[in-house]
């Protein structure tokens, strides 16, 4: 439903789990170093808009992610071609540009103008304007045709070569007048005939979601340096670390996300919950392990959205790659769209 590259952006949104590794230059052996779990990335977007595009333009979809929790709103746009691949990825901030680049995306930082009401209610109108890297003007008008309801919550299929999960907290549908103009060509959203019930319910092919969570499992290697209170990787990502009993929290202030790890002893993790800083319980995603995840071995895992919505399952296998490095292989058995997909990653401690 959403493109590979778009979901990888959102892969740029980091999901972080914890593991306990002992480094040669770490604190004494009785004090393990807590590290994010390799390969797993989390991102939270307060709002997201999507329009499916007709034959007038060489795109199948436009997607806009919005994060207005900071001093400067972040806009992240993906134009997706008919094959499902990203045809153009754009953002308005240097911070998001760097995140997208670290996720392996070809992204352009451009000035953007976005107008719309703060509360997404029926009849709300939004307008996005920017120029592509070659100067082609893009104008997108989105009209919300329904209220945003809990009934619109649920997972979305993400066709991509790596395992990616997306979950909507709430959602509503587009109305007449939703249209994308690129250069001198305009594509107006069509009636969503498959779900329309005229004359009382006539939605158009677009959606407005809130509380969008993206969990991505990306192959690769990450290295972290610890000073006891923070973790910093080679790309400059910094996490604040705190422990209260058997709970360890990792906070990414730049992304406004937090990961809470429930430990059993010092080297096993029973579950990890990810969400927005100061967010609702409904807007969390939890990785739950059975039995608790250890330094080595094979464990089953479930992915739970909110309080009890199971959206995925699989097996993770951990092993020691080097004295200060761990490997993780994620194998998915559900949902059907992810069945058989895997991701292998490594995490290590910097001296």
C-alpha atoms as a PDB file:
ATOM      1  CA  UNK A   1       0.000   0.000   0.000  1.00  0.00           C
ATOM      2  CA  UNK A   2       2.890   2.285   0.724  1.00  0.00           C
ATOM      3  CA  UNK A   3       6.084   2.349  -1.289  1.00  0.00           C
ATOM      4  CA  UNK A   4       9.387   0.774  -0.409  1.00  0.00           C
ATOM      5  CA  UNK A   5      11.281   4.038  -0.301  1.00  0.00           C
ATOM      6  CA  UNK A   6       8.597   5.850   1.646  1.00  0.00           C
ATOM      7  CA  UNK A   7       8.671   3.237   4.331  1.00  0.00           C
ATOM      8  CA  UNK A   8      12.435   3.316   4.378  1.00  0.00           C
ATOM      9  CA  UNK A   9      12.107   7.022   5.192  1.00  0.00           C
ATOM     10  CA  UNK A  10      10.070   6.298   7.808  1.00  0.00           C
ATOM     11  CA  UNK A  11      12.798   3.747   8.499  1.00  0.00           C
ATOM     12  CA  UNK A  12      14.746   6.765   9.071  1.00  0.00           C
ATOM     13  CA  UNK A  13      12.551   7.121  11.957  1.00  0.00           C
ATOM     14  CA  UNK A  14      14.658   4.966  14.512  1.00  0.00           C
ATOM     15  CA  UNK A  15      13.191   2.082  16.626  1.00  0.00           C
ATOM     16  CA  UNK A  16      15.745   1.238  19.320  1.00  0.00           C
ATOM     17  CA  UNK A  17      15.835  -1.872  21.519  1.00  0.00           C
ATOM     18  CA  UNK A  18      18.342  -2.742  24.218  1.00  0.00           C
ATOM     19  CA  UNK A  19      20.925  -5.457  24.669  1.00  0.00           C
ATOM     20  CA  UNK A  20      23.680  -5.954  27.175  1.00  0.00           C
ATOM     21  CA  UNK A  21      27.218  -6.182  25.760  1.00  0.00           C
ATOM     22  CA  UNK A  22      30.580  -6.060  27.509  1.00  0.00           C
ATOM     23  CA  UNK A  23      33.313  -4.096  25.751  1.00  0.00           C
ATOM     24  CA  UNK A  24      37.044  -4.410  26.221  1.00  0.00           C
ATOM     25  CA  UNK A  25      37.202  -0.757  27.306  1.00  0.00           C
ATOM     26  CA  UNK A  26      33.820  -0.715  29.056  1.00  0.00           C
ATOM     27  CA  UNK A  27      33.171  -0.320  32.799  1.00  0.00           C
ATOM     28  CA  UNK A  28      34.011  -3.265  35.093  1.00  0.00           C
ATOM     29  CA  UNK A  29      32.564  -6.648  34.179  1.00  0.00           C
ATOM     30  CA  UNK A  30      29.786  -6.309  36.748  1.00  0.00           C
ATOM     31  CA  UNK A  31      28.389  -3.270  34.875  1.00  0.00           C
ATOM     32  CA  UNK A  32      27.041  -4.243  31.427  1.00  0.00           C
ATOM     33  CA  UNK A  33      26.738  -1.679  28.663  1.00  0.00           C
ATOM     34  CA  UNK A  34      23.143  -1.204  27.470  1.00  0.00           C
ATOM     35  CA  UNK A  35      22.898  -0.885  23.673  1.00  0.00           C
ATOM     36  CA  UNK A  36      20.114  -0.512  21.124  1.00  0.00           C
ATOM     37  CA  UNK A  37      19.199  -3.763  19.432  1.00  0.00           C
ATOM     38  CA  UNK A  38      20.758  -3.955  15.979  1.00  0.00           C
ATOM     39  CA  UNK A  39      18.661  -3.468  12.871  1.00  0.00           C
ATOM     40  CA  UNK A  40      15.448  -2.242  14.509  1.00  0.00           C
ATOM     41  CA  UNK A  41      14.369   1.348  13.863  1.00  0.00           C
ATOM     42  CA  UNK A  42      11.323   3.254  15.084  1.00  0.00           C
ATOM     43  CA  UNK A  43       9.703   6.462  13.909  1.00  0.00           C
ATOM     44  CA  UNK A  44       6.589   8.281  15.083  1.00  0.00           C
ATOM     45  CA  UNK A  45       4.708  10.764  12.906  1.00  0.00           C
ATOM     46  CA  UNK A  46       1.822  12.698  14.513  1.00  0.00           C
ATOM     47  CA  UNK A  47       0.104  13.121  11.121  1.00  0.00           C
ATOM     48  CA  UNK A  48       0.257  11.652   7.639  1.00  0.00           C
ATOM     49  CA  UNK A  49      -1.585  12.452   4.394  1.00  0.00           C
ATOM     50  CA  UNK A  50      -1.817  10.194   1.338  1.00  0.00           C
ATOM     51  CA  UNK A  51      -3.378  10.555  -2.114  1.00  0.00           C
ATOM     52  CA  UNK A  52      -3.544   7.824  -4.737  1.00  0.00           C
ATOM     53  CA  UNK A  53      -2.885   9.388  -8.142  1.00  0.00           C
ATOM     54  CA  UNK A  54      -4.534   8.729 -11.499  1.00  0.00           C
ATOM     55  CA  UNK A  55      -2.986   8.332 -14.962  1.00  0.00           C
ATOM     56  CA  UNK A  56      -2.377  12.044 -15.519  1.00  0.00           C
ATOM     57  CA  UNK A  57       0.972  11.968 -13.682  1.00  0.00           C
ATOM     58  CA  UNK A  58       3.798   9.388 -13.633  1.00  0.00           C
ATOM     59  CA  UNK A  59       3.179   8.736  -9.931  1.00  0.00           C
ATOM     60  CA  UNK A  60       0.989   6.260  -8.090  1.00  0.00           C
ATOM     61  CA  UNK A  61       0.946   8.095  -4.761  1.00  0.00           C
ATOM     62  CA  UNK A  62       2.073  11.131  -2.807  1.00  0.00           C
ATOM     63  CA  UNK A  63       2.720  10.807   0.936  1.00  0.00           C
ATOM     64  CA  UNK A  64       3.362  13.593   3.430  1.00  0.00           C
ATOM     65  CA  UNK A  65       4.574  12.903   6.973  1.00  0.00           C
ATOM     66  CA  UNK A  66       4.180  15.753   9.454  1.00  0.00           C
ATOM     67  CA  UNK A  67       5.885  16.241  12.810  1.00  0.00           C
ATOM     68  CA  UNK A  68       4.930  19.553  14.407  1.00  0.00           C
ATOM     69  CA  UNK A  69       6.017  18.771  17.978  1.00  0.00           C
ATOM     70  CA  UNK A  70       9.194  20.879  17.829  1.00  0.00           C
ATOM     71  CA  UNK A  71       9.940  24.544  17.225  1.00  0.00           C
ATOM     72  CA  UNK A  72      10.236  23.923  13.480  1.00  0.00           C
ATOM     73  CA  UNK A  73       7.670  21.595  11.873  1.00  0.00           C
ATOM     74  CA  UNK A  74       9.156  18.711   9.885  1.00  0.00           C
ATOM     75  CA  UNK A  75       7.637  17.793   6.515  1.00  0.00           C
ATOM     76  CA  UNK A  76       8.755  14.657   4.704  1.00  0.00           C
ATOM     77  CA  UNK A  77       7.330  14.034   1.222  1.00  0.00           C
ATOM     78  CA  UNK A  78       7.554  11.035  -1.083  1.00  0.00           C
ATOM     79  CA  UNK A  79       6.394  10.950  -4.690  1.00  0.00           C
ATOM     80  CA  UNK A  80       6.062   7.280  -5.640  1.00  0.00           C
ATOM     81  CA  UNK A  81       6.164   6.085  -9.234  1.00  0.00           C
ATOM     82  CA  UNK A  82       3.894   3.519 -10.848  1.00  0.00           C
ATOM     83  CA  UNK A  83       6.297   0.669 -10.033  1.00  0.00           C
ATOM     84  CA  UNK A  84       6.072   1.428  -6.315  1.00  0.00           C
ATOM     85  CA  UNK A  85       9.536   2.959  -6.030  1.00  0.00           C
ATOM     86  CA  UNK A  86      10.346   6.445  -4.842  1.00  0.00           C
ATOM     87  CA  UNK A  87      10.524   8.898  -7.727  1.00  0.00           C
ATOM     88  CA  UNK A  88      11.380  11.865  -5.528  1.00  0.00           C
ATOM     89  CA  UNK A  89      11.929  12.337  -1.812  1.00  0.00           C
ATOM     90  CA  UNK A  90      11.885  15.772  -0.187  1.00  0.00           C
ATOM     91  CA  UNK A  91      12.113  17.319   3.256  1.00  0.00           C
ATOM     92  CA  UNK A  92      12.312  20.831   4.666  1.00  0.00           C
ATOM     93  CA  UNK A  93      14.857  20.426   7.494  1.00  0.00           C
ATOM     94  CA  UNK A  94      18.539  19.592   7.660  1.00  0.00           C
ATOM     95  CA  UNK A  95      17.920  17.175  10.534  1.00  0.00           C
ATOM     96  CA  UNK A  96      15.402  15.092   8.598  1.00  0.00           C
ATOM     97  CA  UNK A  97      17.611  15.308   5.508  1.00  0.00           C
ATOM     98  CA  UNK A  98      20.456  13.699   7.496  1.00  0.00           C
ATOM     99  CA  UNK A  99      18.127  10.994   8.868  1.00  0.00           C
ATOM    100  CA  UNK A 100      16.862  10.134   5.400  1.00  0.00           C
ATOM    101  CA  UNK A 101      20.406   9.966   4.061  1.00  0.00           C
ATOM    102  CA  UNK A 102      21.437   7.593   6.853  1.00  0.00           C
ATOM    103  CA  UNK A 103      18.524   5.379   5.810  1.00  0.00           C
ATOM    104  CA  UNK A 104      20.028   5.154   2.326  1.00  0.00           C
ATOM    105  CA  UNK A 105      17.513   7.424   0.591  1.00  0.00           C
ATOM    106  CA  UNK A 106      18.150   9.876  -2.218  1.00  0.00           C
ATOM    107  CA  UNK A 107      16.576  12.948  -0.659  1.00  0.00           C
ATOM    108  CA  UNK A 108      16.443  16.675  -1.408  1.00  0.00           C
ATOM    109  CA  UNK A 109      16.113  19.467   1.137  1.00  0.00           C
ATOM    110  CA  UNK A 110      13.795  22.176  -0.189  1.00  0.00           C
ATOM    111  CA  UNK A 111      11.735  25.005   1.233  1.00  0.00           C
ATOM    112  CA  UNK A 112       8.126  24.008   1.897  1.00  0.00           C
ATOM    113  CA  UNK A 113       4.956  25.890   2.732  1.00  0.00           C
ATOM    114  CA  UNK A 114       2.197  23.984   4.518  1.00  0.00           C
ATOM    115  CA  UNK A 115      -1.123  25.457   5.616  1.00  0.00           C
ATOM    116  CA  UNK A 116      -4.033  23.844   7.431  1.00  0.00           C
ATOM    117  CA  UNK A 117      -5.939  23.700  10.723  1.00  0.00           C
ATOM    118  CA  UNK A 118      -4.352  22.144  13.809  1.00  0.00           C
ATOM    119  CA  UNK A 119      -7.287  19.780  14.395  1.00  0.00           C
ATOM    120  CA  UNK A 120      -8.190  17.287  11.643  1.00  0.00           C
ATOM    121  CA  UNK A 121     -11.993  17.489  11.463  1.00  0.00           C
ATOM    122  CA  UNK A 122     -14.405  16.866   8.604  1.00  0.00           C
ATOM    123  CA  UNK A 123     -14.113  19.594   5.994  1.00  0.00           C
ATOM    124  CA  UNK A 124     -10.575  20.614   6.972  1.00  0.00           C
ATOM    125  CA  UNK A 125      -8.452  21.789   4.030  1.00  0.00           C
ATOM    126  CA  UNK A 126      -4.667  21.530   3.741  1.00  0.00           C
ATOM    127  CA  UNK A 127      -2.247  22.955   1.194  1.00  0.00           C
ATOM    128  CA  UNK A 128       1.375  21.948   0.550  1.00  0.00           C
ATOM    129  CA  UNK A 129       3.697  23.857  -1.803  1.00  0.00           C
ATOM    130  CA  UNK A 130       7.315  23.289  -2.779  1.00  0.00           C
ATOM    131  CA  UNK A 131       9.600  23.121  -5.815  1.00  0.00           C
ATOM    132  CA  UNK A 132      11.481  19.989  -6.783  1.00  0.00           C
ATOM    133  CA  UNK A 133      15.283  19.948  -7.060  1.00  0.00           C
ATOM    134  CA  UNK A 134      14.883  20.923 -10.739  1.00  0.00           C
ATOM    135  CA  UNK A 135      12.526  23.803  -9.958  1.00  0.00           C
ATOM    136  CA  UNK A 136       9.226  22.121 -10.923  1.00  0.00           C
ATOM    137  CA  UNK A 137       6.414  23.505  -8.711  1.00  0.00           C
ATOM    138  CA  UNK A 138       4.363  21.012  -6.686  1.00  0.00           C
ATOM    139  CA  UNK A 139       1.020  22.054  -5.209  1.00  0.00           C
ATOM    140  CA  UNK A 140      -1.113  19.586  -3.235  1.00  0.00           C
ATOM    141  CA  UNK A 141      -4.545  20.310  -1.846  1.00  0.00           C
ATOM    142  CA  UNK A 142      -6.026  17.788   0.575  1.00  0.00           C
ATOM    143  CA  UNK A 143      -9.639  18.003   1.777  1.00  0.00           C
ATOM    144  CA  UNK A 144     -10.696  15.804   4.704  1.00  0.00           C
ATOM    145  CA  UNK A 145     -14.081  14.235   3.947  1.00  0.00           C
ATOM    146  CA  UNK A 146     -14.708  12.468   7.269  1.00  0.00           C
ATOM    147  CA  UNK A 147     -13.852  12.900  10.899  1.00  0.00           C
ATOM    148  CA  UNK A 148     -10.735  11.066  12.083  1.00  0.00           C
ATOM    149  CA  UNK A 149     -11.879   7.995  14.028  1.00  0.00           C
ATOM    150  CA  UNK A 150     -10.447   5.076  15.981  1.00  0.00           C
ATOM    151  CA  UNK A 151     -12.230   2.856  13.433  1.00  0.00           C
ATOM    152  CA  UNK A 152      -9.583   3.957  10.955  1.00  0.00           C
ATOM    153  CA  UNK A 153      -6.779   2.446  13.026  1.00  0.00           C
ATOM    154  CA  UNK A 154      -4.857  -0.605  11.918  1.00  0.00           C
ATOM    155  CA  UNK A 155      -1.756  -1.887  10.145  1.00  0.00           C
ATOM    156  CA  UNK A 156      -0.868  -1.040   6.563  1.00  0.00           C
ATOM    157  CA  UNK A 157       0.902  -3.333   4.139  1.00  0.00           C
ATOM    158  CA  UNK A 158       4.324  -2.034   3.128  1.00  0.00           C
ATOM    159  CA  UNK A 159       5.754  -3.626  -0.034  1.00  0.00           C
ATOM    160  CA  UNK A 160       9.514  -3.491   0.507  1.00  0.00           C
ATOM    161  CA  UNK A 161      12.469  -5.888   0.322  1.00  0.00           C
ATOM    162  CA  UNK A 162      13.054  -5.536   4.077  1.00  0.00           C
ATOM    163  CA  UNK A 163      10.544  -6.103   6.915  1.00  0.00           C
ATOM    164  CA  UNK A 164       8.626  -2.892   7.658  1.00  0.00           C
ATOM    165  CA  UNK A 165       5.492  -2.458   9.760  1.00  0.00           C
ATOM    166  CA  UNK A 166       3.231   0.590   9.855  1.00  0.00           C
ATOM    167  CA  UNK A 167       0.317   1.147  12.228  1.00  0.00           C
ATOM    168  CA  UNK A 168      -2.239   3.982  12.155  1.00  0.00           C
ATOM    169  CA  UNK A 169      -3.667   5.182  15.448  1.00  0.00           C
ATOM    170  CA  UNK A 170      -6.676   6.891  13.828  1.00  0.00           C
ATOM    171  CA  UNK A 171      -7.639   7.803  10.276  1.00  0.00           C
ATOM    172  CA  UNK A 172     -10.150   9.554   8.037  1.00  0.00           C
ATOM    173  CA  UNK A 173     -10.747   9.686   4.275  1.00  0.00           C
ATOM    174  CA  UNK A 174     -10.342  12.389   1.636  1.00  0.00           C
ATOM    175  CA  UNK A 175     -13.116  14.439   0.091  1.00  0.00           C
ATOM    176  CA  UNK A 176     -13.824  15.958  -3.300  1.00  0.00           C
ATOM    177  CA  UNK A 177     -11.297  18.667  -4.152  1.00  0.00           C
ATOM    178  CA  UNK A 178      -8.244  16.659  -3.145  1.00  0.00           C
ATOM    179  CA  UNK A 179      -5.764  17.122  -5.992  1.00  0.00           C
ATOM    180  CA  UNK A 180      -2.062  17.137  -6.838  1.00  0.00           C
ATOM    181  CA  UNK A 181      -0.529  19.538  -9.359  1.00  0.00           C
ATOM    182  CA  UNK A 182       3.020  18.955 -10.624  1.00  0.00           C
ATOM    183  CA  UNK A 183       4.169  21.566 -13.083  1.00  0.00           C
ATOM    184  CA  UNK A 184       1.182  22.260 -15.343  1.00  0.00           C
ATOM    185  CA  UNK A 185      -0.516  18.862 -14.863  1.00  0.00           C
ATOM    186  CA  UNK A 186      -3.184  18.185 -12.230  1.00  0.00           C
ATOM    187  CA  UNK A 187      -4.481  14.840 -10.970  1.00  0.00           C
ATOM    188  CA  UNK A 188      -7.714  14.976  -8.988  1.00  0.00           C
ATOM    189  CA  UNK A 189      -8.496  12.210  -6.487  1.00  0.00           C
ATOM    190  CA  UNK A 190     -11.155   9.809  -7.767  1.00  0.00           C
ATOM    191  CA  UNK A 191     -14.135   8.445  -5.857  1.00  0.00           C
ATOM    192  CA  UNK A 192     -13.171   5.414  -3.757  1.00  0.00           C
ATOM    193  CA  UNK A 193     -15.771   3.151  -5.358  1.00  0.00           C
ATOM    194  CA  UNK A 194     -14.823   0.026  -3.415  1.00  0.00           C
ATOM    195  CA  UNK A 195     -15.994   1.525  -0.109  1.00  0.00           C
ATOM    196  CA  UNK A 196     -18.409   4.253  -1.248  1.00  0.00           C
ATOM    197  CA  UNK A 197     -22.103   4.034  -0.291  1.00  0.00           C
ATOM    198  CA  UNK A 198     -23.720   6.858  -2.264  1.00  0.00           C
ATOM    199  CA  UNK A 199     -25.388   9.199  -1.701  1.00  0.00           C
ATOM    200  CA  UNK A 200     -24.607   9.149   2.042  1.00  0.00           C
ATOM    201  CA  UNK A 201     -20.931   8.163   1.970  1.00  0.00           C
ATOM    202  CA  UNK A 202     -18.731   9.126  -0.979  1.00  0.00           C
ATOM    203  CA  UNK A 203     -15.028   9.101  -0.020  1.00  0.00           C
ATOM    204  CA  UNK A 204     -12.200   9.914  -2.408  1.00  0.00           C
ATOM    205  CA  UNK A 205      -8.894   8.088  -2.837  1.00  0.00           C
ATOM    206  CA  UNK A 206      -6.887   9.679  -0.063  1.00  0.00           C
ATOM    207  CA  UNK A 207      -6.401   9.267   3.681  1.00  0.00           C
ATOM    208  CA  UNK A 208      -5.440  11.351   6.697  1.00  0.00           C
ATOM    209  CA  UNK A 209      -3.894   9.418   9.603  1.00  0.00           C
ATOM    210  CA  UNK A 210      -2.743  10.436  13.077  1.00  0.00           C
ATOM    211  CA  UNK A 211      -0.425   8.596  15.437  1.00  0.00           C
ATOM    212  CA  UNK A 212       1.468   6.798  12.666  1.00  0.00           C
ATOM    213  CA  UNK A 213       4.120   4.382  13.900  1.00  0.00           C
ATOM    214  CA  UNK A 214       6.733   2.744  11.710  1.00  0.00           C
ATOM    215  CA  UNK A 215       8.885  -0.180  12.776  1.00  0.00           C
ATOM    216  CA  UNK A 216      11.622  -1.102  10.291  1.00  0.00           C
ATOM    217  CA  UNK A 217      14.147  -3.934  10.373  1.00  0.00           C
ATOM    218  CA  UNK A 218      17.153  -2.776   8.357  1.00  0.00           C
ATOM    219  CA  UNK A 219      20.327  -4.778   7.686  1.00  0.00           C
ATOM    220  CA  UNK A 220      23.574  -3.071   8.585  1.00  0.00           C
ATOM    221  CA  UNK A 221      26.052  -2.324  11.345  1.00  0.00           C
ATOM    222  CA  UNK A 222      25.790   0.256  14.117  1.00  0.00           C
ATOM    223  CA  UNK A 223      28.435   1.256  16.662  1.00  0.00           C
ATOM    224  CA  UNK A 224      27.739   3.115  19.888  1.00  0.00           C
ATOM    225  CA  UNK A 225      29.870   4.866  22.485  1.00  0.00           C
ATOM    226  CA  UNK A 226      28.625   5.045  26.073  1.00  0.00           C
ATOM    227  CA  UNK A 227      29.459   7.512  28.822  1.00  0.00           C
ATOM    228  CA  UNK A 228      26.982   5.993  31.274  1.00  0.00           C
ATOM    229  CA  UNK A 229      24.231   8.584  30.752  1.00  0.00           C
ATOM    230  CA  UNK A 230      24.114   8.722  26.949  1.00  0.00           C
ATOM    231  CA  UNK A 231      24.807   6.626  23.878  1.00  0.00           C
ATOM    232  CA  UNK A 232      26.151   8.186  20.678  1.00  0.00           C
ATOM    233  CA  UNK A 233      26.671   6.463  17.343  1.00  0.00           C
ATOM    234  CA  UNK A 234      29.050   7.333  14.494  1.00  0.00           C
ATOM    235  CA  UNK A 235      26.295   9.277  12.698  1.00  0.00           C
ATOM    236  CA  UNK A 236      25.774  11.568  15.682  1.00  0.00           C
ATOM    237  CA  UNK A 237      22.529  10.060  16.981  1.00  0.00           C
ATOM    238  CA  UNK A 238      22.395  10.575  20.752  1.00  0.00           C
ATOM    239  CA  UNK A 239      20.212   8.691  23.218  1.00  0.00           C
ATOM    240  CA  UNK A 240      19.659   9.591  26.872  1.00  0.00           C
ATOM    241  CA  UNK A 241      19.722   6.529  29.147  1.00  0.00           C
ATOM    242  CA  UNK A 242      17.920   6.074  32.470  1.00  0.00           C
ATOM    243  CA  UNK A 243      17.247   3.018  34.634  1.00  0.00           C
ATOM    244  CA  UNK A 244      14.596   2.480  37.299  1.00  0.00           C
ATOM    245  CA  UNK A 245      14.621  -1.018  38.721  1.00  0.00           C
ATOM    246  CA  UNK A 246      14.196  -3.472  35.862  1.00  0.00           C
ATOM    247  CA  UNK A 247      13.181  -0.757  33.352  1.00  0.00           C
ATOM    248  CA  UNK A 248      15.702   0.979  31.085  1.00  0.00           C
ATOM    249  CA  UNK A 249      14.545   3.907  28.938  1.00  0.00           C
ATOM    250  CA  UNK A 250      16.295   5.325  25.890  1.00  0.00           C
ATOM    251  CA  UNK A 251      15.131   8.754  24.738  1.00  0.00           C
ATOM    252  CA  UNK A 252      15.895  10.277  21.355  1.00  0.00           C
ATOM    253  CA  UNK A 253      15.172  13.953  21.918  1.00  0.00           C
ATOM    254  CA  UNK A 254      15.811  14.837  18.269  1.00  0.00           C
ATOM    255  CA  UNK A 255      13.047  12.486  17.090  1.00  0.00           C
ATOM    256  CA  UNK A 256      10.842  12.884  20.162  1.00  0.00           C
ATOM    257  CA  UNK A 257      10.704   9.125  20.740  1.00  0.00           C
ATOM    258  CA  UNK A 258      11.293   6.882  23.723  1.00  0.00           C
ATOM    259  CA  UNK A 259      11.981   3.158  24.091  1.00  0.00           C
ATOM    260  CA  UNK A 260      11.279   1.360  27.379  1.00  0.00           C
ATOM    261  CA  UNK A 261      12.963  -1.982  28.013  1.00  0.00           C
ATOM    262  CA  UNK A 262      11.777  -4.460  30.620  1.00  0.00           C
ATOM    263  CA  UNK A 263      14.772  -6.527  31.737  1.00  0.00           C
ATOM    264  CA  UNK A 264      15.057  -9.880  33.447  1.00  0.00           C
ATOM    265  CA  UNK A 265      18.426  -9.680  35.165  1.00  0.00           C
ATOM    266  CA  UNK A 266      21.195  -7.755  33.416  1.00  0.00           C
ATOM    267  CA  UNK A 267      21.425  -9.635  30.117  1.00  0.00           C
ATOM    268  CA  UNK A 268      17.877 -10.544  29.033  1.00  0.00           C
ATOM    269  CA  UNK A 269      14.970  -8.440  27.727  1.00  0.00           C
ATOM    270  CA  UNK A 270      11.358  -9.576  28.038  1.00  0.00           C
ATOM    271  CA  UNK A 271       9.760  -6.725  26.081  1.00  0.00           C
ATOM    272  CA  UNK A 272      10.411  -3.286  24.636  1.00  0.00           C
ATOM    273  CA  UNK A 273       7.812  -0.563  24.043  1.00  0.00           C
ATOM    274  CA  UNK A 274       8.328   2.353  21.650  1.00  0.00           C
ATOM    275  CA  UNK A 275       6.361   5.546  21.402  1.00  0.00           C
ATOM    276  CA  UNK A 276       6.296   9.318  21.333  1.00  0.00           C
ATOM    277  CA  UNK A 277       7.687  11.228  24.309  1.00  0.00           C
ATOM    278  CA  UNK A 278       4.670  12.028  26.524  1.00  0.00           C
ATOM    279  CA  UNK A 279       2.503  10.023  24.092  1.00  0.00           C
ATOM    280  CA  UNK A 280      -0.577   7.913  24.757  1.00  0.00           C
ATOM    281  CA  UNK A 281      -0.481   4.195  25.559  1.00  0.00           C
ATOM    282  CA  UNK A 282      -2.540   3.666  22.401  1.00  0.00           C
ATOM    283  CA  UNK A 283       0.296   5.164  20.351  1.00  0.00           C
ATOM    284  CA  UNK A 284       2.947   2.576  21.207  1.00  0.00           C
ATOM    285  CA  UNK A 285       4.421  -0.493  19.547  1.00  0.00           C
ATOM    286  CA  UNK A 286       5.815  -3.318  21.692  1.00  0.00           C
ATOM    287  CA  UNK A 287       8.224  -6.118  20.867  1.00  0.00           C
ATOM    288  CA  UNK A 288       7.483  -9.015  23.224  1.00  0.00           C
ATOM    289  CA  UNK A 289       9.913 -11.954  23.474  1.00  0.00           C
ATOM    290  CA  UNK A 290       9.222 -15.541  24.540  1.00  0.00           C
ATOM    291  CA  UNK A 291      11.284 -16.556  26.395  1.00  0.00           C
ATOM    292  CA  UNK A 292      13.165 -13.387  27.302  1.00  0.00           C
ATOM    293  CA  UNK A 293      15.753 -12.315  24.724  1.00  0.00           C
ATOM    294  CA  UNK A 294      19.251 -13.427  25.746  1.00  0.00           C
ATOM    295  CA  UNK A 295      22.750 -12.657  24.498  1.00  0.00           C
ATOM    296  CA  UNK A 296      22.741 -15.783  22.346  1.00  0.00           C
ATOM    297  CA  UNK A 297      20.114 -18.193  21.099  1.00  0.00           C
ATOM    298  CA  UNK A 298      16.755 -18.166  19.328  1.00  0.00           C
ATOM    299  CA  UNK A 299      13.574 -16.545  20.633  1.00  0.00           C
ATOM    300  CA  UNK A 300      10.022 -15.998  19.385  1.00  0.00           C
ATOM    301  CA  UNK A 301       8.665 -12.461  19.242  1.00  0.00           C
ATOM    302  CA  UNK A 302       5.319 -10.732  18.748  1.00  0.00           C
ATOM    303  CA  UNK A 303       4.751  -7.116  17.716  1.00  0.00           C
ATOM    304  CA  UNK A 304       1.840  -5.534  19.609  1.00  0.00           C
ATOM    305  CA  UNK A 305       0.320  -2.185  18.599  1.00  0.00           C
ATOM    306  CA  UNK A 306      -1.373  -0.250  21.386  1.00  0.00           C
ATOM    307  CA  UNK A 307      -2.606  -2.399  24.236  1.00  0.00           C
ATOM    308  CA  UNK A 308      -3.373  -5.704  22.519  1.00  0.00           C
ATOM    309  CA  UNK A 309      -3.370  -5.535  18.700  1.00  0.00           C
ATOM    310  CA  UNK A 310      -0.961  -8.208  17.499  1.00  0.00           C
ATOM    311  CA  UNK A 311       0.299  -7.153  14.072  1.00  0.00           C
ATOM    312  CA  UNK A 312       3.332  -9.359  13.494  1.00  0.00           C
ATOM    313  CA  UNK A 313       5.323 -12.357  14.727  1.00  0.00           C
ATOM    314  CA  UNK A 314       8.577 -14.135  14.056  1.00  0.00           C
ATOM    315  CA  UNK A 315      11.840 -15.492  15.408  1.00  0.00           C
ATOM    316  CA  UNK A 316      15.020 -13.611  16.270  1.00  0.00           C
ATOM    317  CA  UNK A 317      18.400 -15.296  16.568  1.00  0.00           C
ATOM    318  CA  UNK A 318      21.285 -13.623  18.385  1.00  0.00           C
ATOM    319  CA  UNK A 319      24.966 -14.490  18.367  1.00  0.00           C
ATOM    320  CA  UNK A 320      28.399 -13.152  19.182  1.00  0.00           C
ATOM    321  CA  UNK A 321      30.060 -11.795  16.051  1.00  0.00           C
ATOM    322  CA  UNK A 322      33.176 -10.531  17.874  1.00  0.00           C
ATOM    323  CA  UNK A 323      34.087  -9.898  21.495  1.00  0.00           C
ATOM    324  CA  UNK A 324      32.437  -6.467  21.408  1.00  0.00           C
ATOM    325  CA  UNK A 325      29.904  -7.108  18.647  1.00  0.00           C
ATOM    326  CA  UNK A 326      26.545  -8.901  18.494  1.00  0.00           C
ATOM    327  CA  UNK A 327      24.620 -10.113  15.466  1.00  0.00           C
ATOM    328  CA  UNK A 328      20.819 -10.282  15.189  1.00  0.00           C
ATOM    329  CA  UNK A 329      18.783 -12.045  12.542  1.00  0.00           C
ATOM    330  CA  UNK A 330      15.063 -11.270  12.385  1.00  0.00           C
ATOM    331  CA  UNK A 331      12.837 -13.824  10.623  1.00  0.00           C
ATOM    332  CA  UNK A 332       9.134 -13.034  10.114  1.00  0.00           C
ATOM    333  CA  UNK A 333       6.281 -15.536  10.049  1.00  0.00           C
ATOM    334  CA  UNK A 334       3.370 -13.057  10.089  1.00  0.00           C
ATOM    335  CA  UNK A 335       1.659 -11.169   8.610  1.00  0.00           C
ATOM    336  CA  UNK A 336       1.529 -12.847   5.222  1.00  0.00           C
ATOM    337  CA  UNK A 337       3.125  -9.816   3.537  1.00  0.00           C
ATOM    338  CA  UNK A 338       6.253 -10.268   5.706  1.00  0.00           C
ATOM    339  CA  UNK A 339       6.331 -14.066   5.780  1.00  0.00           C
ATOM    340  CA  UNK A 340       9.830 -15.285   4.937  1.00  0.00           C
ATOM    341  CA  UNK A 341      11.452 -11.849   5.040  1.00  0.00           C
ATOM    342  CA  UNK A 342      14.632 -11.501   7.097  1.00  0.00           C
ATOM    343  CA  UNK A 343      17.061  -8.819   8.253  1.00  0.00           C
ATOM    344  CA  UNK A 344      20.511  -9.373   9.759  1.00  0.00           C
ATOM    345  CA  UNK A 345      22.346  -6.590  11.573  1.00  0.00           C
ATOM    346  CA  UNK A 346      25.219  -6.067  13.998  1.00  0.00           C
ATOM    347  CA  UNK A 347      25.715  -3.748  16.959  1.00  0.00           C
ATOM    348  CA  UNK A 348      29.015  -3.010  18.664  1.00  0.00           C
ATOM    349  CA  UNK A 349      30.620  -0.877  21.357  1.00  0.00           C
ATOM    350  CA  UNK A 350      33.037   1.892  20.435  1.00  0.00           C
ATOM    351  CA  UNK A 351      36.102   2.230  22.675  1.00  0.00           C
END
